[in-house]
Amino acid sequence: MNYREIITIEPDKMGGKPCIRGLRITVYDVLDYLGSGMSEAEILADFPDLTHDDLRACLAFAADRERRLVSIPA
């Protein structure tokens, strides 16, 4: 999956935060819902504009971003 086809960053939308397909749903929101224990089915029911691939793209985006972080020695 190429998350770059799904995750969009527009300076004038949601303060430039990464969003899903130009919607006003941020990657952070989806990750927060998953982290709080919501199931994929619950998220898709609450946000009918989202798809399974959108949720996977959020995870792929987060994994890619994490890989790019530089660790700073303590």
PDB file of N, CA and C in Angstrom:
ATOM      1  N   MET A   1       0.839  -1.193   0.000  1.00  0.00           N
ATOM      2  CA  MET A   1       0.000   0.000   0.000  1.00  0.00           C
ATOM      3  C   MET A   1       0.878   1.248   0.000  1.00  0.00           C
ATOM      4  N   ASN A   2       0.512   2.209  -0.803  1.00  0.00           N
ATOM      5  CA  ASN A   2       1.204   3.487  -0.826  1.00  0.00           C
ATOM      6  C   ASN A   2       0.325   4.514  -0.122  1.00  0.00           C
ATOM      7  N   TYR A   3       0.644   4.797   1.136  1.00  0.00           N
ATOM      8  CA  TYR A   3      -0.176   5.728   1.910  1.00  0.00           C
ATOM      9  C   TYR A   3      -0.155   7.127   1.311  1.00  0.00           C
ATOM     10  N   ARG A   4       0.837   7.429   0.508  1.00  0.00           N
ATOM     11  CA  ARG A   4       0.944   8.772  -0.078  1.00  0.00           C
ATOM     12  C   ARG A   4      -0.215   9.097  -1.016  1.00  0.00           C
ATOM     13  N   GLU A   5      -0.914   8.070  -1.471  1.00  0.00           N
ATOM     14  CA  GLU A   5      -2.090   8.289  -2.314  1.00  0.00           C
ATOM     15  C   GLU A   5      -3.334   8.590  -1.480  1.00  0.00           C
ATOM     16  N   ILE A   6      -3.254   8.374  -0.179  1.00  0.00           N
ATOM     17  CA  ILE A   6      -4.415   8.546   0.703  1.00  0.00           C
ATOM     18  C   ILE A   6      -4.216   9.694   1.686  1.00  0.00           C
ATOM     19  N   ILE A   7      -3.036   9.797   2.266  1.00  0.00           N
ATOM     20  CA  ILE A   7      -2.766  10.824   3.269  1.00  0.00           C
ATOM     21  C   ILE A   7      -2.379  12.114   2.549  1.00  0.00           C
ATOM     22  N   THR A   8      -3.090  13.187   2.875  1.00  0.00           N
ATOM     23  CA  THR A   8      -2.826  14.475   2.242  1.00  0.00           C
ATOM     24  C   THR A   8      -2.434  15.504   3.300  1.00  0.00           C
ATOM     25  N   ILE A   9      -1.595  16.435   2.901  1.00  0.00           N
ATOM     26  CA  ILE A   9      -1.212  17.538   3.785  1.00  0.00           C
ATOM     27  C   ILE A   9      -1.438  18.819   3.009  1.00  0.00           C
ATOM     28  N   GLU A  10      -2.392  19.607   3.507  1.00  0.00           N
ATOM     29  CA  GLU A  10      -2.733  20.873   2.867  1.00  0.00           C
ATOM     30  C   GLU A  10      -2.587  21.979   3.907  1.00  0.00           C
ATOM     31  N   PRO A  11      -1.748  22.977   3.645  1.00  0.00           N
ATOM     32  CA  PRO A  11      -1.500  24.024   4.635  1.00  0.00           C
ATOM     33  C   PRO A  11      -2.763  24.729   5.135  1.00  0.00           C
ATOM     34  N   ASP A  12      -3.777  24.844   4.280  1.00  0.00           N
ATOM     35  CA  ASP A  12      -4.983  25.583   4.655  1.00  0.00           C
ATOM     36  C   ASP A  12      -6.082  24.687   5.244  1.00  0.00           C
ATOM     37  N   LYS A  13      -5.774  23.417   5.463  1.00  0.00           N
ATOM     38  CA  LYS A  13      -6.780  22.502   6.010  1.00  0.00           C
ATOM     39  C   LYS A  13      -6.252  21.869   7.290  1.00  0.00           C
ATOM     40  N   MET A  14      -6.998  21.998   8.360  1.00  0.00           N
ATOM     41  CA  MET A  14      -6.659  21.400   9.652  1.00  0.00           C
ATOM     42  C   MET A  14      -5.252  21.797  10.107  1.00  0.00           C
ATOM     43  N   GLY A  15      -4.884  23.030   9.821  1.00  0.00           N
ATOM     44  CA  GLY A  15      -3.587  23.535  10.251  1.00  0.00           C
ATOM     45  C   GLY A  15      -2.407  22.825   9.624  1.00  0.00           C
ATOM     46  N   GLY A  16      -2.602  22.209   8.473  1.00  0.00           N
ATOM     47  CA  GLY A  16      -1.523  21.518   7.793  1.00  0.00           C
ATOM     48  C   GLY A  16      -1.229  20.130   8.324  1.00  0.00           C
ATOM     49  N   LYS A  17      -2.092  19.626   9.204  1.00  0.00           N
ATOM     50  CA  LYS A  17      -1.899  18.274   9.735  1.00  0.00           C
ATOM     51  C   LYS A  17      -2.238  17.244   8.662  1.00  0.00           C
ATOM     52  N   PRO A  18      -1.584  16.095   8.711  1.00  0.00           N
ATOM     53  CA  PRO A  18      -1.894  15.037   7.744  1.00  0.00           C
ATOM     54  C   PRO A  18      -3.345  14.574   7.892  1.00  0.00           C
ATOM     55  N   CYS A  19      -4.066  14.572   6.789  1.00  0.00           N
ATOM     56  CA  CYS A  19      -5.481  14.191   6.778  1.00  0.00           C
ATOM     57  C   CYS A  19      -5.691  13.023   5.815  1.00  0.00           C
ATOM     58  N   ILE A  20      -6.870  12.478   5.867  1.00  0.00           N
ATOM     59  CA  ILE A  20      -7.214  11.353   5.003  1.00  0.00           C
ATOM     60  C   ILE A  20      -8.002  11.858   3.808  1.00  0.00           C
ATOM     61  N   ARG A  21      -7.423  11.685   2.627  1.00  0.00           N
ATOM     62  CA  ARG A  21      -8.055  12.034   1.346  1.00  0.00           C
ATOM     63  C   ARG A  21      -8.651  13.439   1.325  1.00  0.00           C
ATOM     64  N   GLY A  22      -8.007  14.376   1.976  1.00  0.00           N
ATOM     65  CA  GLY A  22      -8.492  15.749   1.970  1.00  0.00           C
ATOM     66  C   GLY A  22      -9.679  15.994   2.877  1.00  0.00           C
ATOM     67  N   LEU A  23     -10.118  14.968   3.583  1.00  0.00           N
ATOM     68  CA  LEU A  23     -11.221  15.136   4.542  1.00  0.00           C
ATOM     69  C   LEU A  23     -10.706  15.853   5.778  1.00  0.00           C
ATOM     70  N   ARG A  24     -11.601  16.259   6.613  1.00  0.00           N
ATOM     71  CA  ARG A  24     -11.210  16.905   7.864  1.00  0.00           C
ATOM     72  C   ARG A  24     -11.083  15.878   8.987  1.00  0.00           C
ATOM     73  N   ILE A  25     -10.513  14.753   8.651  1.00  0.00           N
ATOM     74  CA  ILE A  25     -10.211  13.698   9.613  1.00  0.00           C
ATOM     75  C   ILE A  25      -8.702  13.497   9.558  1.00  0.00           C
ATOM     76  N   THR A  26      -8.038  13.754  10.687  1.00  0.00           N
ATOM     77  CA  THR A  26      -6.578  13.691  10.698  1.00  0.00           C
ATOM     78  C   THR A  26      -6.084  12.286  11.013  1.00  0.00           C
ATOM     79  N   VAL A  27      -4.850  12.051  10.607  1.00  0.00           N
ATOM     80  CA  VAL A  27      -4.192  10.789  10.944  1.00  0.00           C
ATOM     81  C   VAL A  27      -4.131  10.657  12.464  1.00  0.00           C
ATOM     82  N   TYR A  28      -3.817  11.757  13.136  1.00  0.00           N
ATOM     83  CA  TYR A  28      -3.750  11.738  14.591  1.00  0.00           C
ATOM     84  C   TYR A  28      -5.067  11.269  15.195  1.00  0.00           C
ATOM     85  N   ASP A  29      -6.180  11.775  14.687  1.00  0.00           N
ATOM     86  CA  ASP A  29      -7.485  11.372  15.220  1.00  0.00           C
ATOM     87  C   ASP A  29      -7.675   9.864  15.114  1.00  0.00           C
ATOM     88  N   VAL A  30      -7.386   9.315  13.946  1.00  0.00           N
ATOM     89  CA  VAL A  30      -7.567   7.877  13.741  1.00  0.00           C
ATOM     90  C   VAL A  30      -6.662   7.084  14.676  1.00  0.00           C
ATOM     91  N   LEU A  31      -5.397   7.494  14.781  1.00  0.00           N
ATOM     92  CA  LEU A  31      -4.474   6.788  15.673  1.00  0.00           C
ATOM     93  C   LEU A  31      -4.922   6.904  17.126  1.00  0.00           C
ATOM     94  N   ASP A  32      -5.439   8.049  17.488  1.00  0.00           N
ATOM     95  CA  ASP A  32      -5.939   8.247  18.854  1.00  0.00           C
ATOM     96  C   ASP A  32      -7.133   7.332  19.135  1.00  0.00           C
ATOM     97  N   TYR A  33      -8.039   7.215  18.175  1.00  0.00           N
ATOM     98  CA  TYR A  33      -9.191   6.320  18.340  1.00  0.00           C
ATOM     99  C   TYR A  33      -8.726   4.872  18.500  1.00  0.00           C
ATOM    100  N   LEU A  34      -7.795   4.452  17.662  1.00  0.00           N
ATOM    101  CA  LEU A  34      -7.282   3.084  17.761  1.00  0.00           C
ATOM    102  C   LEU A  34      -6.571   2.873  19.098  1.00  0.00           C
ATOM    103  N   GLY A  35      -5.789   3.857  19.502  1.00  0.00           N
ATOM    104  CA  GLY A  35      -5.052   3.763  20.761  1.00  0.00           C
ATOM    105  C   GLY A  35      -5.944   3.749  21.986  1.00  0.00           C
ATOM    106  N   SER A  36      -7.119   4.359  21.863  1.00  0.00           N
ATOM    107  CA  SER A  36      -8.042   4.386  22.999  1.00  0.00           C
ATOM    108  C   SER A  36      -8.877   3.115  23.091  1.00  0.00           C
ATOM    109  N   GLY A  37      -8.695   2.226  22.115  1.00  0.00           N
ATOM    110  CA  GLY A  37      -9.388   0.944  22.175  1.00  0.00           C
ATOM    111  C   GLY A  37     -10.547   0.778  21.214  1.00  0.00           C
ATOM    112  N   MET A  38     -10.823   1.788  20.406  1.00  0.00           N
ATOM    113  CA  MET A  38     -11.893   1.630  19.416  1.00  0.00           C
ATOM    114  C   MET A  38     -11.465   0.593  18.391  1.00  0.00           C
ATOM    115  N   SER A  39     -12.390  -0.232  17.983  1.00  0.00           N
ATOM    116  CA  SER A  39     -12.086  -1.208  16.940  1.00  0.00           C
ATOM    117  C   SER A  39     -12.195  -0.531  15.575  1.00  0.00           C
ATOM    118  N   GLU A  40     -11.624  -1.197  14.591  1.00  0.00           N
ATOM    119  CA  GLU A  40     -11.730  -0.688  13.226  1.00  0.00           C
ATOM    120  C   GLU A  40     -13.198  -0.567  12.817  1.00  0.00           C
ATOM    121  N   ALA A  41     -13.992  -1.558  13.175  1.00  0.00           N
ATOM    122  CA  ALA A  41     -15.420  -1.543  12.825  1.00  0.00           C
ATOM    123  C   ALA A  41     -16.128  -0.349  13.470  1.00  0.00           C
ATOM    124  N   GLU A  42     -15.774  -0.023  14.704  1.00  0.00           N
ATOM    125  CA  GLU A  42     -16.398   1.124  15.383  1.00  0.00           C
ATOM    126  C   GLU A  42     -16.022   2.432  14.700  1.00  0.00           C
ATOM    127  N   ILE A  43     -14.763   2.560  14.325  1.00  0.00           N
ATOM    128  CA  ILE A  43     -14.319   3.787  13.647  1.00  0.00           C
ATOM    129  C   ILE A  43     -15.028   3.935  12.304  1.00  0.00           C
ATOM    130  N   LEU A  44     -15.089   2.845  11.550  1.00  0.00           N
ATOM    131  CA  LEU A  44     -15.748   2.904  10.238  1.00  0.00           C
ATOM    132  C   LEU A  44     -17.242   3.188  10.379  1.00  0.00           C
ATOM    133  N   ALA A  45     -17.864   2.708  11.451  1.00  0.00           N
ATOM    134  CA  ALA A  45     -19.284   2.989  11.677  1.00  0.00           C
ATOM    135  C   ALA A  45     -19.495   4.460  12.042  1.00  0.00           C
ATOM    136  N   ASP A  46     -18.579   5.018  12.845  1.00  0.00           N
ATOM    137  CA  ASP A  46     -18.694   6.419  13.262  1.00  0.00           C
ATOM    138  C   ASP A  46     -18.326   7.397  12.144  1.00  0.00           C
ATOM    139  N   PHE A  47     -17.482   6.954  11.234  1.00  0.00           N
ATOM    140  CA  PHE A  47     -17.015   7.812  10.145  1.00  0.00           C
ATOM    141  C   PHE A  47     -17.222   7.083   8.814  1.00  0.00           C
ATOM    142  N   PRO A  48     -18.428   7.126   8.282  1.00  0.00           N
ATOM    143  CA  PRO A  48     -18.744   6.363   7.071  1.00  0.00           C
ATOM    144  C   PRO A  48     -17.939   6.773   5.834  1.00  0.00           C
ATOM    145  N   ASP A  49     -17.299   7.939   5.860  1.00  0.00           N
ATOM    146  CA  ASP A  49     -16.466   8.351   4.728  1.00  0.00           C
ATOM    147  C   ASP A  49     -15.142   7.600   4.689  1.00  0.00           C
ATOM    148  N   LEU A  50     -14.762   6.959   5.796  1.00  0.00           N
ATOM    149  CA  LEU A  50     -13.493   6.244   5.866  1.00  0.00           C
ATOM    150  C   LEU A  50     -13.637   4.814   5.372  1.00  0.00           C
ATOM    151  N   THR A  51     -12.513   4.276   4.919  1.00  0.00           N
ATOM    152  CA  THR A  51     -12.469   2.888   4.462  1.00  0.00           C
ATOM    153  C   THR A  51     -11.384   2.140   5.240  1.00  0.00           C
ATOM    154  N   HIS A  52     -11.392   0.823   5.074  1.00  0.00           N
ATOM    155  CA  HIS A  52     -10.351   0.000   5.681  1.00  0.00           C
ATOM    156  C   HIS A  52      -8.971   0.452   5.201  1.00  0.00           C
ATOM    157  N   ASP A  53      -8.840   0.755   3.924  1.00  0.00           N
ATOM    158  CA  ASP A  53      -7.560   1.212   3.380  1.00  0.00           C
ATOM    159  C   ASP A  53      -7.122   2.542   3.989  1.00  0.00           C
ATOM    160  N   ASP A  54      -8.068   3.407   4.318  1.00  0.00           N
ATOM    161  CA  ASP A  54      -7.726   4.673   4.979  1.00  0.00           C
ATOM    162  C   ASP A  54      -7.066   4.406   6.327  1.00  0.00           C
ATOM    163  N   LEU A  55      -7.622   3.469   7.082  1.00  0.00           N
ATOM    164  CA  LEU A  55      -7.068   3.152   8.400  1.00  0.00           C
ATOM    165  C   LEU A  55      -5.679   2.531   8.262  1.00  0.00           C
ATOM    166  N   ARG A  56      -5.518   1.658   7.294  1.00  0.00           N
ATOM    167  CA  ARG A  56      -4.201   1.061   7.049  1.00  0.00           C
ATOM    168  C   ARG A  56      -3.191   2.128   6.626  1.00  0.00           C
ATOM    169  N   ALA A  57      -3.636   3.099   5.845  1.00  0.00           N
ATOM    170  CA  ALA A  57      -2.751   4.177   5.414  1.00  0.00           C
ATOM    171  C   ALA A  57      -2.284   4.999   6.605  1.00  0.00           C
ATOM    172  N   CYS A  58      -3.155   5.222   7.571  1.00  0.00           N
ATOM    173  CA  CYS A  58      -2.766   5.956   8.782  1.00  0.00           C
ATOM    174  C   CYS A  58      -1.672   5.213   9.533  1.00  0.00           C
ATOM    175  N   LEU A  59      -1.821   3.908   9.655  1.00  0.00           N
ATOM    176  CA  LEU A  59      -0.803   3.104  10.340  1.00  0.00           C
ATOM    177  C   LEU A  59       0.506   3.103   9.564  1.00  0.00           C
ATOM    178  N   ALA A  60       0.436   2.988   8.254  1.00  0.00           N
ATOM    179  CA  ALA A  60       1.644   3.001   7.430  1.00  0.00           C
ATOM    180  C   ALA A  60       2.339   4.360   7.511  1.00  0.00           C
ATOM    181  N   PHE A  61       1.565   5.433   7.505  1.00  0.00           N
ATOM    182  CA  PHE A  61       2.115   6.785   7.627  1.00  0.00           C
ATOM    183  C   PHE A  61       2.841   6.932   8.957  1.00  0.00           C
ATOM    184  N   ALA A  62       2.201   6.481  10.044  1.00  0.00           N
ATOM    185  CA  ALA A  62       2.801   6.589  11.376  1.00  0.00           C
ATOM    186  C   ALA A  62       4.073   5.750  11.469  1.00  0.00           C
ATOM    187  N   ALA A  63       4.064   4.564  10.895  1.00  0.00           N
ATOM    188  CA  ALA A  63       5.250   3.709  10.925  1.00  0.00           C
ATOM    189  C   ALA A  63       6.394   4.355  10.148  1.00  0.00           C
ATOM    190  N   ASP A  64       6.086   4.940   9.004  1.00  0.00           N
ATOM    191  CA  ASP A  64       7.107   5.598   8.202  1.00  0.00           C
ATOM    192  C   ASP A  64       7.674   6.805   8.932  1.00  0.00           C
ATOM    193  N   ARG A  65       6.816   7.570   9.557  1.00  0.00           N
ATOM    194  CA  ARG A  65       7.262   8.746  10.299  1.00  0.00           C
ATOM    195  C   ARG A  65       8.139   8.331  11.477  1.00  0.00           C
ATOM    196  N   GLU A  66       7.768   7.262  12.152  1.00  0.00           N
ATOM    197  CA  GLU A  66       8.547   6.765  13.284  1.00  0.00           C
ATOM    198  C   GLU A  66       9.941   6.327  12.827  1.00  0.00           C
ATOM    199  N   ARG A  67      10.018   5.674  11.679  1.00  0.00           N
ATOM    200  CA  ARG A  67      11.308   5.244  11.136  1.00  0.00           C
ATOM    201  C   ARG A  67      12.231   6.418  10.870  1.00  0.00           C
ATOM    202  N   ARG A  68      11.657   7.544  10.543  1.00  0.00           N
ATOM    203  CA  ARG A  68      12.463   8.718  10.171  1.00  0.00           C
ATOM    204  C   ARG A  68      12.941   9.529  11.379  1.00  0.00           C
ATOM    205  N   LEU A  69      12.387   9.269  12.571  1.00  0.00           N
ATOM    206  CA  LEU A  69      12.792  10.018  13.754  1.00  0.00           C
ATOM    207  C   LEU A  69      14.246   9.711  14.104  1.00  0.00           C
ATOM    208  N   VAL A  70      14.924  10.712  14.529  1.00  0.00           N
ATOM    209  CA  VAL A  70      16.305  10.547  14.967  1.00  0.00           C
ATOM    210  C   VAL A  70      16.299  10.496  16.480  1.00  0.00           C
ATOM    211  N   SER A  71      16.886   9.449  17.042  1.00  0.00           N
ATOM    212  CA  SER A  71      16.922   9.367  18.503  1.00  0.00           C
ATOM    213  C   SER A  71      18.030  10.268  19.024  1.00  0.00           C
ATOM    214  N   ILE A  72      17.726  10.911  20.127  1.00  0.00           N
ATOM    215  CA  ILE A  72      18.667  11.826  20.765  1.00  0.00           C
ATOM    216  C   ILE A  72      19.156  11.159  22.053  1.00  0.00           C
ATOM    217  N   PRO A  73      20.469  10.984  22.199  1.00  0.00           N
ATOM    218  CA  PRO A  73      20.979  10.348  23.426  1.00  0.00           C
ATOM    219  C   PRO A  73      20.592  11.143  24.663  1.00  0.00           C
ATOM    220  N   ALA A  74      20.281  10.442  25.720  1.00  0.00           N
ATOM    221  CA  ALA A  74      19.865  11.101  26.975  1.00  0.00           C
ATOM    222  C   ALA A  74      21.050  11.642  27.730  1.00  0.00           C
TER     223      ALA A  74
END
